[in-house]
Amino acid sequence: MVTTSQLAIPHSSIASLFPMVSNVHVKLDDTNYLQWHFQMNLMLECHGILGFVTGSHPCPPQFVIGSNSEEIEAYKVWQLHDKALMLLLSTTLHASVISCVIGSTNAREMWLTLKERFAIITKPSIFLLKTCLFNMKKGLDSIAQYLNHIKDARDQLSCVGVHFSDEDIIILALNGLPAEYNTFRCVMRCRESMLSFKEFQCC
């Protein structure tokens, strides 16, 4: 957690993130909010600064009657670090996305604007995601690619509150396998105890 003793950005945990941003593999665009959010959430949480965007580390009051200079300094320090975080977040956005956050006055506002813009899932889109999951076939993909596609679809639905048990996902995965996997499919269906999906991916 950033404290008022960290008066300079070079001493902040935010500063340590800037070199890491150059290695960020997922830059937010219209297609990858879930992956971007997961990546950024982990990065900010492990550096103790997630509270800036979630609201759990709000801005201190700028002026408090009877306050000492340290309390007023806390406001200045918070503002300094929040602007640095805004800069950091903007470097993880695709050029086409930056226009969405122009006008944001703090990192939390930027974070919520991106969520509102990219994370809204309507009933028709949920229906489409479910349809894609139910109709998924291995085709020419490798088993690893096929199961990753299933996991991605499940994760997207889970993100909007639609959850599938491991058993249901394995049933869907087995149904999408071609005929040459019939023996494997039979073995899986005859098991006394169902595997977790993670265990299933390793089979």
C-alpha atoms as a PDB file:
ATOM      1  CA  MET A   1       0.000   0.000   0.000  1.00  0.00           C
ATOM      2  CA  VAL A   2       1.309   3.442  -0.946  1.00  0.00           C
ATOM      3  CA  THR A   3       1.965   5.610   2.101  1.00  0.00           C
ATOM      4  CA  THR A   4       2.707   9.282   2.571  1.00  0.00           C
ATOM      5  CA  SER A   5       6.341   8.453   3.216  1.00  0.00           C
ATOM      6  CA  GLN A   6       6.633   7.468  -0.441  1.00  0.00           C
ATOM      7  CA  LEU A   7       6.749  11.043  -1.667  1.00  0.00           C
ATOM      8  CA  ALA A   8       8.477  10.325  -4.959  1.00  0.00           C
ATOM      9  CA  ILE A   9       7.217   8.080  -7.739  1.00  0.00           C
ATOM     10  CA  PRO A  10      10.612   6.263  -7.992  1.00  0.00           C
ATOM     11  CA  HIS A  11      10.006   4.907  -4.472  1.00  0.00           C
ATOM     12  CA  SER A  12       6.478   3.709  -5.260  1.00  0.00           C
ATOM     13  CA  SER A  13       5.315   0.203  -6.036  1.00  0.00           C
ATOM     14  CA  ILE A  14       3.690   1.743  -9.102  1.00  0.00           C
ATOM     15  CA  ALA A  15       7.119   2.667 -10.473  1.00  0.00           C
ATOM     16  CA  SER A  16       8.199  -0.968 -10.394  1.00  0.00           C
ATOM     17  CA  LEU A  17       5.349  -1.803 -12.761  1.00  0.00           C
ATOM     18  CA  PHE A  18       6.467   0.420 -15.619  1.00  0.00           C
ATOM     19  CA  PRO A  19       9.257  -1.922 -16.816  1.00  0.00           C
ATOM     20  CA  MET A  20       6.802  -4.829 -16.618  1.00  0.00           C
ATOM     21  CA  VAL A  21       4.247  -3.110 -18.855  1.00  0.00           C
ATOM     22  CA  SER A  22       6.559  -3.460 -21.855  1.00  0.00           C
ATOM     23  CA  ASN A  23       6.170  -7.236 -21.430  1.00  0.00           C
ATOM     24  CA  VAL A  24       2.352  -7.157 -21.282  1.00  0.00           C
ATOM     25  CA  HIS A  25       1.197  -9.566 -23.967  1.00  0.00           C
ATOM     26  CA  VAL A  26      -2.485  -8.578 -23.946  1.00  0.00           C
ATOM     27  CA  LYS A  27      -3.307  -5.000 -24.870  1.00  0.00           C
ATOM     28  CA  LEU A  28      -6.981  -4.207 -24.518  1.00  0.00           C
ATOM     29  CA  ASP A  29      -9.050  -4.081 -27.704  1.00  0.00           C
ATOM     30  CA  ASP A  30     -12.629  -4.982 -28.648  1.00  0.00           C
ATOM     31  CA  THR A  31     -11.995  -8.715 -28.357  1.00  0.00           C
ATOM     32  CA  ASN A  32     -10.012  -9.450 -25.192  1.00  0.00           C
ATOM     33  CA  TYR A  33     -11.382  -7.597 -22.159  1.00  0.00           C
ATOM     34  CA  LEU A  34     -11.573 -10.772 -20.048  1.00  0.00           C
ATOM     35  CA  GLN A  35      -7.902 -11.627 -20.641  1.00  0.00           C
ATOM     36  CA  TRP A  36      -6.783  -8.004 -20.166  1.00  0.00           C
ATOM     37  CA  HIS A  37      -8.778  -7.603 -16.943  1.00  0.00           C
ATOM     38  CA  PHE A  38      -7.395 -10.853 -15.503  1.00  0.00           C
ATOM     39  CA  GLN A  39      -3.843  -9.820 -16.349  1.00  0.00           C
ATOM     40  CA  MET A  40      -4.145  -6.288 -14.979  1.00  0.00           C
ATOM     41  CA  ASN A  41      -6.066  -7.337 -11.863  1.00  0.00           C
ATOM     42  CA  LEU A  42      -3.260  -9.732 -10.930  1.00  0.00           C
ATOM     43  CA  MET A  43      -0.558  -7.193 -11.678  1.00  0.00           C
ATOM     44  CA  LEU A  44      -2.128  -4.439  -9.572  1.00  0.00           C
ATOM     45  CA  GLU A  45      -3.092  -6.778  -6.735  1.00  0.00           C
ATOM     46  CA  CYS A  46       0.346  -8.315  -6.340  1.00  0.00           C
ATOM     47  CA  HIS A  47       1.840  -4.803  -6.096  1.00  0.00           C
ATOM     48  CA  GLY A  48      -0.687  -3.683  -3.479  1.00  0.00           C
ATOM     49  CA  ILE A  49      -2.279  -0.942  -5.599  1.00  0.00           C
ATOM     50  CA  LEU A  50      -5.520  -2.575  -6.749  1.00  0.00           C
ATOM     51  CA  GLY A  51      -7.363  -0.376  -4.237  1.00  0.00           C
ATOM     52  CA  PHE A  52      -6.820   2.671  -6.454  1.00  0.00           C
ATOM     53  CA  VAL A  53      -9.152   1.217  -9.108  1.00  0.00           C
ATOM     54  CA  THR A  54     -11.548  -0.738  -6.867  1.00  0.00           C
ATOM     55  CA  GLY A  55     -12.178   2.189  -4.547  1.00  0.00           C
ATOM     56  CA  SER A  56     -10.821   0.546  -1.387  1.00  0.00           C
ATOM     57  CA  HIS A  57      -7.946   3.074  -1.315  1.00  0.00           C
ATOM     58  CA  PRO A  58      -9.848   6.334  -1.957  1.00  0.00           C
ATOM     59  CA  CYS A  59      -8.374   9.781  -2.251  1.00  0.00           C
ATOM     60  CA  PRO A  60      -7.765  11.451   1.132  1.00  0.00           C
ATOM     61  CA  PRO A  61      -9.513  14.810   1.708  1.00  0.00           C
ATOM     62  CA  GLN A  62      -7.680  17.738   0.233  1.00  0.00           C
ATOM     63  CA  PHE A  63      -8.453  20.069   3.095  1.00  0.00           C
ATOM     64  CA  VAL A  64      -9.465  19.053   6.621  1.00  0.00           C
ATOM     65  CA  ILE A  65     -10.168  21.579   9.346  1.00  0.00           C
ATOM     66  CA  GLY A  66      -7.450  21.305  11.955  1.00  0.00           C
ATOM     67  CA  SER A  67      -5.391  18.922   9.828  1.00  0.00           C
ATOM     68  CA  ASN A  68      -1.622  18.937   9.926  1.00  0.00           C
ATOM     69  CA  SER A  69       0.647  19.172   6.906  1.00  0.00           C
ATOM     70  CA  GLU A  70       1.037  15.388   6.723  1.00  0.00           C
ATOM     71  CA  GLU A  71      -2.683  14.895   6.068  1.00  0.00           C
ATOM     72  CA  ILE A  72      -2.664  17.506   3.304  1.00  0.00           C
ATOM     73  CA  GLU A  73       0.488  15.900   1.902  1.00  0.00           C
ATOM     74  CA  ALA A  74      -1.381  12.599   1.772  1.00  0.00           C
ATOM     75  CA  TYR A  75      -3.782  14.107  -0.765  1.00  0.00           C
ATOM     76  CA  LYS A  76      -0.905  15.333  -2.942  1.00  0.00           C
ATOM     77  CA  VAL A  77       0.856  11.971  -2.792  1.00  0.00           C
ATOM     78  CA  TRP A  78      -2.341  10.070  -3.635  1.00  0.00           C
ATOM     79  CA  GLN A  79      -2.940  12.316  -6.653  1.00  0.00           C
ATOM     80  CA  LEU A  80       0.632  11.840  -7.822  1.00  0.00           C
ATOM     81  CA  HIS A  81       0.404   8.067  -7.646  1.00  0.00           C
ATOM     82  CA  ASP A  82      -3.083   7.940  -9.159  1.00  0.00           C
ATOM     83  CA  LYS A  83      -1.925   9.904 -12.222  1.00  0.00           C
ATOM     84  CA  ALA A  84       1.046   7.552 -12.559  1.00  0.00           C
ATOM     85  CA  LEU A  85      -1.357   4.612 -12.465  1.00  0.00           C
ATOM     86  CA  MET A  86      -3.514   6.248 -15.146  1.00  0.00           C
ATOM     87  CA  LEU A  87      -0.426   6.541 -17.333  1.00  0.00           C
ATOM     88  CA  LEU A  88       0.459   2.920 -16.675  1.00  0.00           C
ATOM     89  CA  LEU A  89      -3.060   1.705 -17.552  1.00  0.00           C
ATOM     90  CA  SER A  90      -3.107   3.741 -20.745  1.00  0.00           C
ATOM     91  CA  THR A  91       0.050   1.989 -21.966  1.00  0.00           C
ATOM     92  CA  THR A  92      -1.823  -1.350 -21.819  1.00  0.00           C
ATOM     93  CA  LEU A  93      -4.570  -0.127 -24.163  1.00  0.00           C
ATOM     94  CA  HIS A  94      -4.681  -0.583 -27.889  1.00  0.00           C
ATOM     95  CA  ALA A  95      -4.527   2.728 -29.769  1.00  0.00           C
ATOM     96  CA  SER A  96      -8.186   2.356 -30.778  1.00  0.00           C
ATOM     97  CA  VAL A  97      -9.260   2.084 -27.117  1.00  0.00           C
ATOM     98  CA  ILE A  98      -7.486   5.109 -25.640  1.00  0.00           C
ATOM     99  CA  SER A  99     -10.197   7.449 -26.933  1.00  0.00           C
ATOM    100  CA  CYS A 100     -12.679   5.676 -24.642  1.00  0.00           C
ATOM    101  CA  VAL A 101     -10.902   6.914 -21.511  1.00  0.00           C
ATOM    102  CA  ILE A 102     -10.069  10.454 -22.586  1.00  0.00           C
ATOM    103  CA  GLY A 103     -11.566  12.758 -19.986  1.00  0.00           C
ATOM    104  CA  SER A 104     -11.133  10.336 -17.074  1.00  0.00           C
ATOM    105  CA  THR A 105      -9.975  12.205 -13.988  1.00  0.00           C
ATOM    106  CA  ASN A 106      -8.606   9.278 -11.978  1.00  0.00           C
ATOM    107  CA  ALA A 107      -7.573   5.639 -12.361  1.00  0.00           C
ATOM    108  CA  ARG A 108     -10.820   4.290 -10.880  1.00  0.00           C
ATOM    109  CA  GLU A 109     -12.918   6.271 -13.345  1.00  0.00           C
ATOM    110  CA  MET A 110     -10.754   4.956 -16.180  1.00  0.00           C
ATOM    111  CA  TRP A 111     -11.096   1.370 -14.884  1.00  0.00           C
ATOM    112  CA  LEU A 112     -14.903   1.622 -14.609  1.00  0.00           C
ATOM    113  CA  THR A 113     -15.213   3.263 -18.026  1.00  0.00           C
ATOM    114  CA  LEU A 114     -13.364   0.357 -19.619  1.00  0.00           C
ATOM    115  CA  LYS A 115     -15.523  -2.137 -17.741  1.00  0.00           C
ATOM    116  CA  GLU A 116     -18.711  -0.399 -18.847  1.00  0.00           C
ATOM    117  CA  ARG A 117     -17.511  -0.228 -22.436  1.00  0.00           C
ATOM    118  CA  PHE A 118     -16.169  -3.756 -22.853  1.00  0.00           C
ATOM    119  CA  ALA A 119     -17.638  -6.031 -20.165  1.00  0.00           C
ATOM    120  CA  ILE A 120     -21.349  -5.473 -20.803  1.00  0.00           C
ATOM    121  CA  ILE A 121     -22.873  -8.750 -21.957  1.00  0.00           C
ATOM    122  CA  THR A 122     -26.478  -8.707 -23.177  1.00  0.00           C
ATOM    123  CA  LYS A 123     -28.878 -11.658 -23.107  1.00  0.00           C
ATOM    124  CA  PRO A 124     -28.472 -12.214 -26.869  1.00  0.00           C
ATOM    125  CA  SER A 125     -24.673 -12.315 -26.496  1.00  0.00           C
ATOM    126  CA  ILE A 126     -24.959 -14.784 -23.586  1.00  0.00           C
ATOM    127  CA  PHE A 127     -27.211 -16.917 -25.780  1.00  0.00           C
ATOM    128  CA  LEU A 128     -24.597 -16.747 -28.545  1.00  0.00           C
ATOM    129  CA  LEU A 129     -21.780 -17.707 -26.164  1.00  0.00           C
ATOM    130  CA  LYS A 130     -23.781 -20.680 -24.888  1.00  0.00           C
ATOM    131  CA  THR A 131     -24.605 -21.744 -28.443  1.00  0.00           C
ATOM    132  CA  CYS A 132     -20.931 -21.602 -29.435  1.00  0.00           C
ATOM    133  CA  LEU A 133     -19.984 -23.658 -26.366  1.00  0.00           C
ATOM    134  CA  PHE A 134     -22.667 -26.302 -26.943  1.00  0.00           C
ATOM    135  CA  ASN A 135     -21.780 -26.632 -30.644  1.00  0.00           C
ATOM    136  CA  MET A 136     -18.012 -26.672 -30.244  1.00  0.00           C
ATOM    137  CA  LYS A 137     -16.230 -29.446 -32.169  1.00  0.00           C
ATOM    138  CA  LYS A 138     -12.597 -30.502 -32.197  1.00  0.00           C
ATOM    139  CA  GLY A 139     -12.315 -30.323 -35.984  1.00  0.00           C
ATOM    140  CA  LEU A 140      -8.700 -29.895 -37.105  1.00  0.00           C
ATOM    141  CA  ASP A 141      -7.558 -28.446 -33.780  1.00  0.00           C
ATOM    142  CA  SER A 142      -5.246 -30.354 -31.496  1.00  0.00           C
ATOM    143  CA  ILE A 143      -6.795 -31.664 -28.277  1.00  0.00           C
ATOM    144  CA  ALA A 144      -5.017 -28.931 -26.316  1.00  0.00           C
ATOM    145  CA  GLN A 145      -6.365 -26.196 -28.624  1.00  0.00           C
ATOM    146  CA  TYR A 146      -9.865 -27.663 -28.550  1.00  0.00           C
ATOM    147  CA  LEU A 147      -9.985 -27.846 -24.754  1.00  0.00           C
ATOM    148  CA  ASN A 148      -8.552 -24.324 -24.465  1.00  0.00           C
ATOM    149  CA  HIS A 149     -11.364 -23.036 -26.689  1.00  0.00           C
ATOM    150  CA  ILE A 150     -13.869 -24.699 -24.356  1.00  0.00           C
ATOM    151  CA  LYS A 151     -12.156 -23.230 -21.303  1.00  0.00           C
ATOM    152  CA  ASP A 152     -12.154 -19.733 -22.852  1.00  0.00           C
ATOM    153  CA  ALA A 153     -15.880 -19.947 -23.596  1.00  0.00           C
ATOM    154  CA  ARG A 154     -16.583 -21.197 -20.078  1.00  0.00           C
ATOM    155  CA  ASP A 155     -14.504 -18.391 -18.548  1.00  0.00           C
ATOM    156  CA  GLN A 156     -16.335 -15.734 -20.568  1.00  0.00           C
ATOM    157  CA  LEU A 157     -19.698 -17.054 -19.393  1.00  0.00           C
ATOM    158  CA  SER A 158     -18.461 -17.365 -15.809  1.00  0.00           C
ATOM    159  CA  CYS A 159     -17.414 -13.706 -15.942  1.00  0.00           C
ATOM    160  CA  VAL A 160     -21.072 -12.713 -16.462  1.00  0.00           C
ATOM    161  CA  GLY A 161     -22.487 -15.092 -13.860  1.00  0.00           C
ATOM    162  CA  VAL A 162     -23.246 -18.138 -16.042  1.00  0.00           C
ATOM    163  CA  HIS A 163     -21.500 -21.119 -14.476  1.00  0.00           C
ATOM    164  CA  PHE A 164     -20.998 -24.700 -15.684  1.00  0.00           C
ATOM    165  CA  SER A 165     -19.805 -27.544 -13.491  1.00  0.00           C
ATOM    166  CA  ASP A 166     -16.712 -29.526 -14.470  1.00  0.00           C
ATOM    167  CA  GLU A 167     -18.949 -32.502 -15.194  1.00  0.00           C
ATOM    168  CA  ASP A 168     -21.103 -30.538 -17.647  1.00  0.00           C
ATOM    169  CA  ILE A 169     -18.040 -29.112 -19.390  1.00  0.00           C
ATOM    170  CA  ILE A 170     -16.451 -32.556 -19.746  1.00  0.00           C
ATOM    171  CA  ILE A 171     -19.693 -33.911 -21.230  1.00  0.00           C
ATOM    172  CA  LEU A 172     -19.683 -31.085 -23.767  1.00  0.00           C
ATOM    173  CA  ALA A 173     -16.010 -31.721 -24.536  1.00  0.00           C
ATOM    174  CA  LEU A 174     -16.605 -35.436 -25.089  1.00  0.00           C
ATOM    175  CA  ASN A 175     -19.580 -34.751 -27.356  1.00  0.00           C
ATOM    176  CA  GLY A 176     -17.407 -32.578 -29.593  1.00  0.00           C
ATOM    177  CA  LEU A 177     -14.780 -35.261 -30.218  1.00  0.00           C
ATOM    178  CA  PRO A 178     -14.720 -37.128 -33.560  1.00  0.00           C
ATOM    179  CA  ALA A 179     -15.447 -40.855 -33.971  1.00  0.00           C
ATOM    180  CA  GLU A 180     -11.815 -41.951 -33.487  1.00  0.00           C
ATOM    181  CA  TYR A 181     -12.142 -40.913 -29.831  1.00  0.00           C
ATOM    182  CA  ASN A 182     -15.102 -43.238 -29.192  1.00  0.00           C
ATOM    183  CA  THR A 183     -13.064 -45.595 -26.990  1.00  0.00           C
ATOM    184  CA  PHE A 184     -11.732 -42.705 -24.923  1.00  0.00           C
ATOM    185  CA  ARG A 185     -15.243 -41.259 -24.698  1.00  0.00           C
ATOM    186  CA  CYS A 186     -16.594 -44.589 -23.457  1.00  0.00           C
ATOM    187  CA  VAL A 187     -13.858 -44.898 -20.820  1.00  0.00           C
ATOM    188  CA  MET A 188     -14.565 -41.389 -19.516  1.00  0.00           C
ATOM    189  CA  ARG A 189     -18.314 -41.991 -19.340  1.00  0.00           C
ATOM    190  CA  CYS A 190     -17.858 -45.251 -17.433  1.00  0.00           C
ATOM    191  CA  ARG A 191     -15.696 -43.790 -14.690  1.00  0.00           C
ATOM    192  CA  GLU A 192     -17.063 -44.112 -11.154  1.00  0.00           C
ATOM    193  CA  SER A 193     -15.756 -40.676 -10.222  1.00  0.00           C
ATOM    194  CA  MET A 194     -15.706 -37.736 -12.581  1.00  0.00           C
ATOM    195  CA  LEU A 195     -12.436 -35.912 -13.180  1.00  0.00           C
ATOM    196  CA  SER A 196     -12.063 -32.191 -12.743  1.00  0.00           C
ATOM    197  CA  PHE A 197     -11.761 -30.323 -16.037  1.00  0.00           C
ATOM    198  CA  LYS A 198      -8.109 -29.571 -15.237  1.00  0.00           C
ATOM    199  CA  GLU A 199      -7.434 -33.291 -14.777  1.00  0.00           C
ATOM    200  CA  PHE A 200      -9.377 -34.023 -17.961  1.00  0.00           C
ATOM    201  CA  GLN A 201      -7.111 -31.670 -19.914  1.00  0.00           C
ATOM    202  CA  CYS A 202      -4.115 -33.760 -18.831  1.00  0.00           C
ATOM    203  CA  CYS A 203      -5.578 -37.090 -19.988  1.00  0.00           C
END
